[in-house]
N, C-alpha and C. Protein backbone atom coordinates (compact mmCIF):
# COMPACT_ATOMS: atom_id res chain seq x y z
N MET A 1 0.92 -18.98 13.42
CA MET A 1 -0.24 -18.15 13.66
C MET A 1 -1.49 -18.98 13.45
N GLU A 2 -2.21 -19.21 14.51
CA GLU A 2 -3.43 -20.00 14.44
C GLU A 2 -4.62 -19.09 14.17
N GLU A 3 -5.26 -19.28 13.03
CA GLU A 3 -6.40 -18.46 12.65
C GLU A 3 -7.68 -19.14 13.14
N ASN A 4 -8.04 -18.89 14.38
CA ASN A 4 -9.21 -19.53 14.96
C ASN A 4 -10.29 -18.52 15.37
N TYR A 5 -10.26 -17.35 14.74
CA TYR A 5 -11.27 -16.32 14.97
C TYR A 5 -11.85 -15.88 13.63
N ILE A 6 -13.09 -15.43 13.66
CA ILE A 6 -13.74 -14.86 12.48
C ILE A 6 -13.70 -13.35 12.61
N LEU A 7 -13.15 -12.70 11.61
CA LEU A 7 -13.02 -11.24 11.61
C LEU A 7 -13.91 -10.65 10.52
N SER A 8 -14.73 -9.68 10.91
CA SER A 8 -15.51 -8.90 9.95
C SER A 8 -14.94 -7.49 9.95
N VAL A 9 -14.60 -7.01 8.77
CA VAL A 9 -14.02 -5.68 8.61
C VAL A 9 -14.93 -4.88 7.69
N LYS A 10 -15.26 -3.67 8.10
CA LYS A 10 -16.00 -2.77 7.23
C LYS A 10 -15.28 -1.44 7.24
N GLY A 11 -14.92 -0.97 6.06
CA GLY A 11 -14.28 0.32 5.92
C GLY A 11 -15.15 1.23 5.09
N ILE A 12 -15.34 2.46 5.54
CA ILE A 12 -16.13 3.44 4.81
C ILE A 12 -15.24 4.66 4.57
N GLN A 13 -15.13 5.06 3.32
CA GLN A 13 -14.31 6.21 2.96
C GLN A 13 -15.18 7.24 2.28
N THR A 14 -15.05 8.50 2.72
CA THR A 14 -15.79 9.60 2.11
C THR A 14 -14.80 10.58 1.51
N VAL A 15 -14.95 10.82 0.21
CA VAL A 15 -14.14 11.80 -0.50
C VAL A 15 -15.12 12.81 -1.08
N GLU A 16 -14.99 14.06 -0.62
CA GLU A 16 -15.95 15.12 -0.96
C GLU A 16 -17.34 14.62 -0.58
N ASP A 17 -18.25 14.42 -1.54
CA ASP A 17 -19.61 13.97 -1.21
C ASP A 17 -19.86 12.52 -1.61
N SER A 18 -18.80 11.80 -1.93
CA SER A 18 -18.94 10.43 -2.40
C SER A 18 -18.47 9.43 -1.35
N ASN A 19 -19.31 8.43 -1.04
CA ASN A 19 -18.97 7.38 -0.09
C ASN A 19 -18.63 6.09 -0.83
N ASP A 20 -17.65 5.37 -0.28
CA ASP A 20 -17.29 4.06 -0.81
C ASP A 20 -17.08 3.16 0.40
N SER A 21 -17.58 1.94 0.32
CA SER A 21 -17.38 1.03 1.45
C SER A 21 -16.85 -0.31 0.96
N VAL A 22 -16.08 -0.94 1.84
CA VAL A 22 -15.50 -2.25 1.56
C VAL A 22 -15.79 -3.13 2.77
N GLU A 23 -16.22 -4.35 2.51
CA GLU A 23 -16.46 -5.30 3.60
C GLU A 23 -15.68 -6.57 3.33
N LEU A 24 -15.18 -7.14 4.42
CA LEU A 24 -14.36 -8.34 4.33
C LEU A 24 -14.70 -9.22 5.53
N LYS A 25 -14.83 -10.50 5.28
CA LYS A 25 -15.01 -11.48 6.35
C LYS A 25 -13.96 -12.55 6.12
N THR A 26 -13.13 -12.81 7.14
CA THR A 26 -12.01 -13.72 6.97
C THR A 26 -11.63 -14.36 8.29
N MET A 27 -10.77 -15.35 8.23
CA MET A 27 -10.23 -15.96 9.43
C MET A 27 -9.04 -15.12 9.90
N ALA A 28 -8.85 -15.06 11.21
CA ALA A 28 -7.79 -14.23 11.77
C ALA A 28 -7.25 -14.87 13.04
N SER A 29 -6.07 -14.42 13.42
CA SER A 29 -5.55 -14.79 14.74
C SER A 29 -5.81 -13.61 15.67
N TYR A 30 -5.96 -13.91 16.94
CA TYR A 30 -6.26 -12.88 17.94
C TYR A 30 -5.53 -13.26 19.21
N VAL A 31 -4.52 -12.49 19.56
CA VAL A 31 -3.69 -12.81 20.72
C VAL A 31 -3.46 -11.55 21.56
N THR A 32 -3.12 -11.79 22.82
CA THR A 32 -2.76 -10.70 23.72
C THR A 32 -1.31 -10.92 24.15
N LYS A 33 -0.49 -9.85 24.00
CA LYS A 33 0.91 -9.89 24.43
C LYS A 33 1.21 -8.59 25.16
N ASN A 34 1.74 -8.70 26.36
CA ASN A 34 2.15 -7.54 27.17
C ASN A 34 1.04 -6.49 27.28
N GLY A 35 -0.20 -6.94 27.40
CA GLY A 35 -1.33 -6.03 27.59
C GLY A 35 -1.91 -5.47 26.31
N SER A 36 -1.29 -5.71 25.16
CA SER A 36 -1.80 -5.25 23.87
C SER A 36 -2.47 -6.42 23.16
N ARG A 37 -3.49 -6.11 22.37
CA ARG A 37 -4.20 -7.13 21.60
C ARG A 37 -3.80 -7.02 20.13
N TYR A 38 -3.59 -8.17 19.48
CA TYR A 38 -3.16 -8.21 18.09
C TYR A 38 -4.15 -9.03 17.27
N ILE A 39 -4.65 -8.43 16.21
CA ILE A 39 -5.52 -9.11 15.25
C ILE A 39 -4.73 -9.19 13.95
N THR A 40 -4.49 -10.40 13.45
CA THR A 40 -3.71 -10.57 12.23
C THR A 40 -4.51 -11.39 11.23
N TYR A 41 -4.52 -10.91 9.98
CA TYR A 41 -5.27 -11.60 8.93
C TYR A 41 -4.63 -11.34 7.57
N LYS A 42 -5.04 -12.13 6.58
CA LYS A 42 -4.53 -12.00 5.21
C LYS A 42 -5.58 -11.32 4.35
N GLU A 43 -5.09 -10.47 3.46
CA GLU A 43 -5.93 -9.84 2.45
C GLU A 43 -5.37 -10.20 1.09
N TYR A 44 -6.24 -10.27 0.10
CA TYR A 44 -5.81 -10.57 -1.26
C TYR A 44 -6.13 -9.39 -2.16
N ASP A 45 -5.26 -9.12 -3.11
CA ASP A 45 -5.44 -8.03 -4.05
C ASP A 45 -6.59 -8.37 -5.00
N VAL A 46 -7.54 -7.47 -5.14
CA VAL A 46 -8.69 -7.71 -6.01
C VAL A 46 -8.24 -7.82 -7.47
N GLN A 47 -7.27 -7.00 -7.86
CA GLN A 47 -6.78 -7.00 -9.24
C GLN A 47 -5.92 -8.22 -9.55
N ASP A 48 -5.17 -8.68 -8.55
CA ASP A 48 -4.25 -9.81 -8.74
C ASP A 48 -4.33 -10.73 -7.53
N PRO A 49 -5.23 -11.72 -7.55
CA PRO A 49 -5.42 -12.61 -6.40
C PRO A 49 -4.18 -13.36 -5.95
N LYS A 50 -3.13 -13.39 -6.77
CA LYS A 50 -1.88 -14.04 -6.35
C LYS A 50 -1.15 -13.21 -5.31
N LYS A 51 -1.43 -11.90 -5.29
CA LYS A 51 -0.80 -11.02 -4.31
C LYS A 51 -1.60 -11.07 -3.02
N LYS A 52 -0.89 -11.29 -1.92
CA LYS A 52 -1.58 -11.27 -0.64
C LYS A 52 -0.80 -10.38 0.32
N TYR A 53 -1.52 -9.85 1.26
CA TYR A 53 -0.95 -8.95 2.24
C TYR A 53 -1.30 -9.45 3.63
N ARG A 54 -0.39 -9.25 4.54
CA ARG A 54 -0.64 -9.61 5.94
C ARG A 54 -0.87 -8.30 6.69
N THR A 55 -2.01 -8.21 7.32
CA THR A 55 -2.37 -7.02 8.07
C THR A 55 -2.47 -7.36 9.54
N THR A 56 -1.85 -6.53 10.38
CA THR A 56 -1.94 -6.70 11.83
C THR A 56 -2.47 -5.40 12.42
N VAL A 57 -3.49 -5.54 13.25
CA VAL A 57 -4.04 -4.40 13.98
C VAL A 57 -3.65 -4.60 15.44
N LYS A 58 -2.86 -3.67 15.95
CA LYS A 58 -2.43 -3.71 17.35
C LYS A 58 -3.27 -2.70 18.12
N VAL A 59 -3.92 -3.18 19.16
CA VAL A 59 -4.68 -2.31 20.05
C VAL A 59 -3.90 -2.26 21.36
N GLY A 60 -3.22 -1.16 21.58
CA GLY A 60 -2.38 -1.02 22.75
C GLY A 60 -3.19 -0.81 24.02
N LYS A 61 -2.59 -1.17 25.13
CA LYS A 61 -3.27 -0.98 26.42
C LYS A 61 -3.48 0.50 26.70
N ASP A 62 -2.74 1.37 25.98
CA ASP A 62 -2.89 2.82 26.11
C ASP A 62 -3.98 3.38 25.21
N GLY A 63 -4.68 2.51 24.44
CA GLY A 63 -5.77 2.94 23.58
C GLY A 63 -5.32 3.38 22.19
N ILE A 64 -4.02 3.26 21.90
CA ILE A 64 -3.52 3.62 20.58
C ILE A 64 -3.63 2.39 19.67
N VAL A 65 -4.19 2.61 18.47
CA VAL A 65 -4.36 1.54 17.50
C VAL A 65 -3.33 1.74 16.38
N THR A 66 -2.61 0.67 16.05
CA THR A 66 -1.64 0.72 14.96
C THR A 66 -2.03 -0.33 13.93
N VAL A 67 -2.18 0.12 12.67
CA VAL A 67 -2.50 -0.79 11.58
C VAL A 67 -1.23 -0.98 10.77
N MET A 68 -0.75 -2.22 10.70
CA MET A 68 0.49 -2.54 9.99
C MET A 68 0.18 -3.47 8.83
N LYS A 69 0.41 -2.98 7.63
CA LYS A 69 0.14 -3.78 6.44
C LYS A 69 1.46 -4.09 5.77
N GLY A 70 1.72 -5.37 5.53
CA GLY A 70 2.94 -5.79 4.87
C GLY A 70 2.68 -6.17 3.43
N GLY A 71 3.73 -6.34 2.67
CA GLY A 71 3.60 -6.71 1.26
C GLY A 71 4.15 -5.60 0.39
N GLU A 72 3.83 -5.66 -0.91
CA GLU A 72 4.34 -4.67 -1.86
C GLU A 72 3.85 -3.27 -1.53
N GLU A 73 2.61 -3.14 -1.09
CA GLU A 73 2.06 -1.84 -0.70
C GLU A 73 1.90 -1.85 0.81
N SER A 74 2.93 -1.38 1.50
CA SER A 74 2.94 -1.50 2.96
C SER A 74 2.80 -0.13 3.62
N HIS A 75 2.36 -0.17 4.87
CA HIS A 75 2.30 1.04 5.67
C HIS A 75 2.08 0.67 7.14
N ASN A 76 2.44 1.60 8.00
CA ASN A 76 2.11 1.54 9.42
C ASN A 76 1.34 2.82 9.72
N MET A 77 0.12 2.67 10.15
CA MET A 77 -0.73 3.82 10.43
C MET A 77 -1.06 3.84 11.92
N ILE A 78 -0.70 4.95 12.58
CA ILE A 78 -0.95 5.10 14.01
C ILE A 78 -2.23 5.91 14.19
N LEU A 79 -3.17 5.34 14.95
CA LEU A 79 -4.46 5.98 15.22
C LEU A 79 -4.56 6.26 16.71
N GLU A 80 -4.45 7.53 17.06
CA GLU A 80 -4.49 7.96 18.46
C GLU A 80 -5.47 9.12 18.56
N LYS A 81 -6.50 8.95 19.37
CA LYS A 81 -7.58 9.94 19.46
C LYS A 81 -7.04 11.35 19.72
N GLY A 82 -7.46 12.29 18.86
CA GLY A 82 -7.10 13.68 19.01
C GLY A 82 -5.70 14.05 18.55
N VAL A 83 -5.00 13.12 17.89
CA VAL A 83 -3.62 13.35 17.48
C VAL A 83 -3.48 13.09 15.98
N ARG A 84 -2.67 13.94 15.30
CA ARG A 84 -2.34 13.73 13.89
C ARG A 84 -0.95 13.12 13.81
N HIS A 85 -0.86 11.96 13.17
CA HIS A 85 0.41 11.29 12.96
C HIS A 85 0.72 11.28 11.47
N LYS A 86 1.99 11.30 11.14
CA LYS A 86 2.41 11.15 9.75
C LYS A 86 2.75 9.68 9.50
N CYS A 87 2.44 9.23 8.31
CA CYS A 87 2.83 7.87 7.93
C CYS A 87 3.23 7.86 6.47
N GLU A 88 4.03 6.87 6.11
CA GLU A 88 4.43 6.70 4.72
C GLU A 88 3.73 5.48 4.16
N TYR A 89 3.13 5.66 3.02
CA TYR A 89 2.38 4.60 2.35
C TYR A 89 3.19 4.19 1.13
N VAL A 90 3.69 2.97 1.12
CA VAL A 90 4.50 2.48 0.01
C VAL A 90 3.58 1.89 -1.04
N THR A 91 3.67 2.42 -2.27
CA THR A 91 2.87 1.91 -3.38
C THR A 91 3.80 1.48 -4.50
N SER A 92 3.24 0.86 -5.50
CA SER A 92 4.05 0.46 -6.65
C SER A 92 4.53 1.67 -7.45
N TYR A 93 3.96 2.85 -7.17
CA TYR A 93 4.35 4.08 -7.86
C TYR A 93 5.33 4.91 -7.05
N GLY A 94 5.57 4.53 -5.81
CA GLY A 94 6.48 5.29 -4.94
C GLY A 94 5.89 5.44 -3.55
N ILE A 95 6.53 6.28 -2.75
CA ILE A 95 6.11 6.48 -1.36
C ILE A 95 5.30 7.76 -1.26
N ILE A 96 4.16 7.68 -0.58
CA ILE A 96 3.30 8.84 -0.35
C ILE A 96 3.31 9.14 1.14
N SER A 97 3.54 10.40 1.49
CA SER A 97 3.49 10.84 2.89
C SER A 97 2.07 11.31 3.19
N LEU A 98 1.50 10.77 4.25
CA LEU A 98 0.13 11.09 4.64
C LEU A 98 0.08 11.60 6.07
N GLY A 99 -0.90 12.44 6.34
CA GLY A 99 -1.22 12.81 7.71
C GLY A 99 -2.49 12.07 8.09
N VAL A 100 -2.52 11.52 9.29
CA VAL A 100 -3.69 10.77 9.76
C VAL A 100 -4.12 11.37 11.09
N TYR A 101 -5.35 11.95 11.12
CA TYR A 101 -5.89 12.53 12.34
C TYR A 101 -7.05 11.65 12.81
N THR A 102 -6.97 11.19 14.05
CA THR A 102 -8.00 10.30 14.60
C THR A 102 -8.99 11.10 15.41
N GLU A 103 -10.23 11.07 14.97
CA GLU A 103 -11.31 11.79 15.65
C GLU A 103 -11.83 11.01 16.85
N ASP A 104 -12.01 9.70 16.67
CA ASP A 104 -12.61 8.91 17.75
C ASP A 104 -12.20 7.45 17.63
N ILE A 105 -12.05 6.81 18.79
CA ILE A 105 -11.76 5.37 18.87
C ILE A 105 -12.68 4.78 19.94
N ASN A 106 -13.36 3.69 19.59
CA ASN A 106 -14.16 2.94 20.56
C ASN A 106 -13.64 1.51 20.58
N ILE A 107 -13.14 1.10 21.74
CA ILE A 107 -12.57 -0.23 21.90
C ILE A 107 -13.44 -1.02 22.87
N ASP A 108 -13.97 -2.13 22.41
CA ASP A 108 -14.75 -3.04 23.26
C ASP A 108 -14.25 -4.46 23.00
N LEU A 109 -13.01 -4.71 23.43
CA LEU A 109 -12.38 -6.01 23.22
C LEU A 109 -12.07 -6.66 24.55
N ASP A 110 -12.24 -7.98 24.61
CA ASP A 110 -11.81 -8.74 25.77
C ASP A 110 -11.14 -10.01 25.26
N ASP A 111 -10.91 -10.97 26.13
CA ASP A 111 -10.19 -12.18 25.74
C ASP A 111 -10.95 -13.03 24.73
N ASN A 112 -12.26 -12.80 24.59
CA ASN A 112 -13.07 -13.59 23.66
C ASN A 112 -13.29 -12.91 22.32
N GLY A 113 -12.88 -11.66 22.20
CA GLY A 113 -13.10 -10.92 20.95
C GLY A 113 -13.78 -9.59 21.26
N GLY A 114 -14.62 -9.14 20.34
CA GLY A 114 -15.35 -7.90 20.54
C GLY A 114 -15.29 -7.01 19.31
N GLU A 115 -15.35 -5.69 19.56
CA GLU A 115 -15.42 -4.74 18.46
C GLU A 115 -14.46 -3.58 18.64
N LEU A 116 -14.07 -3.01 17.52
CA LEU A 116 -13.22 -1.84 17.47
C LEU A 116 -13.76 -0.93 16.37
N THR A 117 -13.97 0.34 16.69
CA THR A 117 -14.42 1.32 15.71
C THR A 117 -13.52 2.54 15.79
N VAL A 118 -13.06 3.00 14.63
CA VAL A 118 -12.17 4.17 14.57
C VAL A 118 -12.69 5.11 13.48
N ARG A 119 -12.75 6.41 13.80
CA ARG A 119 -13.06 7.44 12.80
C ARG A 119 -11.84 8.33 12.66
N TYR A 120 -11.36 8.50 11.42
CA TYR A 120 -10.14 9.28 11.19
C TYR A 120 -10.19 9.95 9.82
N SER A 121 -9.31 10.92 9.63
CA SER A 121 -9.19 11.58 8.33
C SER A 121 -7.76 11.45 7.84
N ILE A 122 -7.61 11.49 6.52
CA ILE A 122 -6.31 11.42 5.89
C ILE A 122 -6.10 12.69 5.08
N ASP A 123 -4.91 13.27 5.22
CA ASP A 123 -4.58 14.44 4.42
C ASP A 123 -3.26 14.20 3.69
N ILE A 124 -3.14 14.86 2.55
CA ILE A 124 -1.90 14.83 1.77
C ILE A 124 -1.44 16.28 1.66
N GLN A 125 -0.25 16.56 2.19
CA GLN A 125 0.30 17.91 2.26
C GLN A 125 -0.71 18.88 2.88
N SER A 126 -1.31 18.43 3.98
CA SER A 126 -2.27 19.20 4.78
C SER A 126 -3.60 19.48 4.07
N GLU A 127 -3.84 18.88 2.92
CA GLU A 127 -5.12 18.99 2.23
C GLU A 127 -5.92 17.73 2.50
N LEU A 128 -7.16 17.90 2.98
CA LEU A 128 -8.01 16.76 3.30
C LEU A 128 -8.21 15.88 2.07
N ALA A 129 -7.88 14.61 2.20
CA ALA A 129 -8.07 13.64 1.11
C ALA A 129 -9.33 12.82 1.33
N SER A 130 -9.58 12.39 2.59
CA SER A 130 -10.76 11.57 2.87
C SER A 130 -11.04 11.52 4.36
N THR A 131 -12.29 11.23 4.69
CA THR A 131 -12.64 10.87 6.05
C THR A 131 -12.99 9.39 6.00
N ASN A 132 -12.69 8.68 7.10
CA ASN A 132 -12.79 7.23 7.07
C ASN A 132 -13.36 6.68 8.37
N GLU A 133 -14.01 5.54 8.25
CA GLU A 133 -14.45 4.78 9.42
C GLU A 133 -13.99 3.35 9.22
N LEU A 134 -13.49 2.77 10.29
CA LEU A 134 -13.05 1.38 10.29
C LEU A 134 -13.78 0.66 11.41
N HIS A 135 -14.51 -0.40 11.05
CA HIS A 135 -15.23 -1.21 12.02
C HIS A 135 -14.70 -2.64 11.96
N LEU A 136 -14.20 -3.14 13.08
CA LEU A 136 -13.75 -4.53 13.18
C LEU A 136 -14.59 -5.25 14.22
N GLN A 137 -15.00 -6.44 13.89
CA GLN A 137 -15.69 -7.31 14.85
C GLN A 137 -14.99 -8.66 14.78
N ILE A 138 -14.55 -9.14 15.93
CA ILE A 138 -13.84 -10.41 15.98
C ILE A 138 -14.49 -11.34 17.00
N LYS A 139 -14.68 -12.57 16.61
CA LYS A 139 -15.27 -13.56 17.52
C LYS A 139 -14.66 -14.92 17.25
N GLU A 140 -14.63 -15.72 18.28
CA GLU A 140 -14.04 -17.05 18.17
C GLU A 140 -14.87 -17.91 17.21
N ALA A 141 -14.18 -18.62 16.33
CA ALA A 141 -14.86 -19.53 15.40
C ALA A 141 -15.29 -20.76 16.16
N LYS A 142 -16.49 -21.17 15.93
CA LYS A 142 -17.00 -22.39 16.58
C LYS A 142 -16.61 -23.59 15.74
N GLN A 143 -16.15 -24.64 16.38
CA GLN A 143 -15.72 -25.84 15.65
C GLN A 143 -16.90 -26.61 15.18
């Protein structure tokens, strides 16, 4: 996996009236296979920097976005506009079943990079847990 792109990630989570945001800038790989685009990057645990996770964001040619996180706390989250999908989130405390409803997806990606924005909500046993925004910007790293 050749990490020759710069990826900026911004996540905003709203729980009740409280907002929390996380920003990350890292090197990533960006490839196209069978009409789908794949962005893959490493994340490190803030509490334990020895733990790292590999995250892949697949943007399908059908407009469906799948976020696949590997490692001790893994999950596959399907983001499809107007659809609620169930996913299992593996944590060190056990498996949590979540509902993920995608309100909106904006995809502006080409062979050189671009942007992806997704707005979605997460529920636990049909009770709203949070509303979320995910913003990705990817561009080729200049040598």
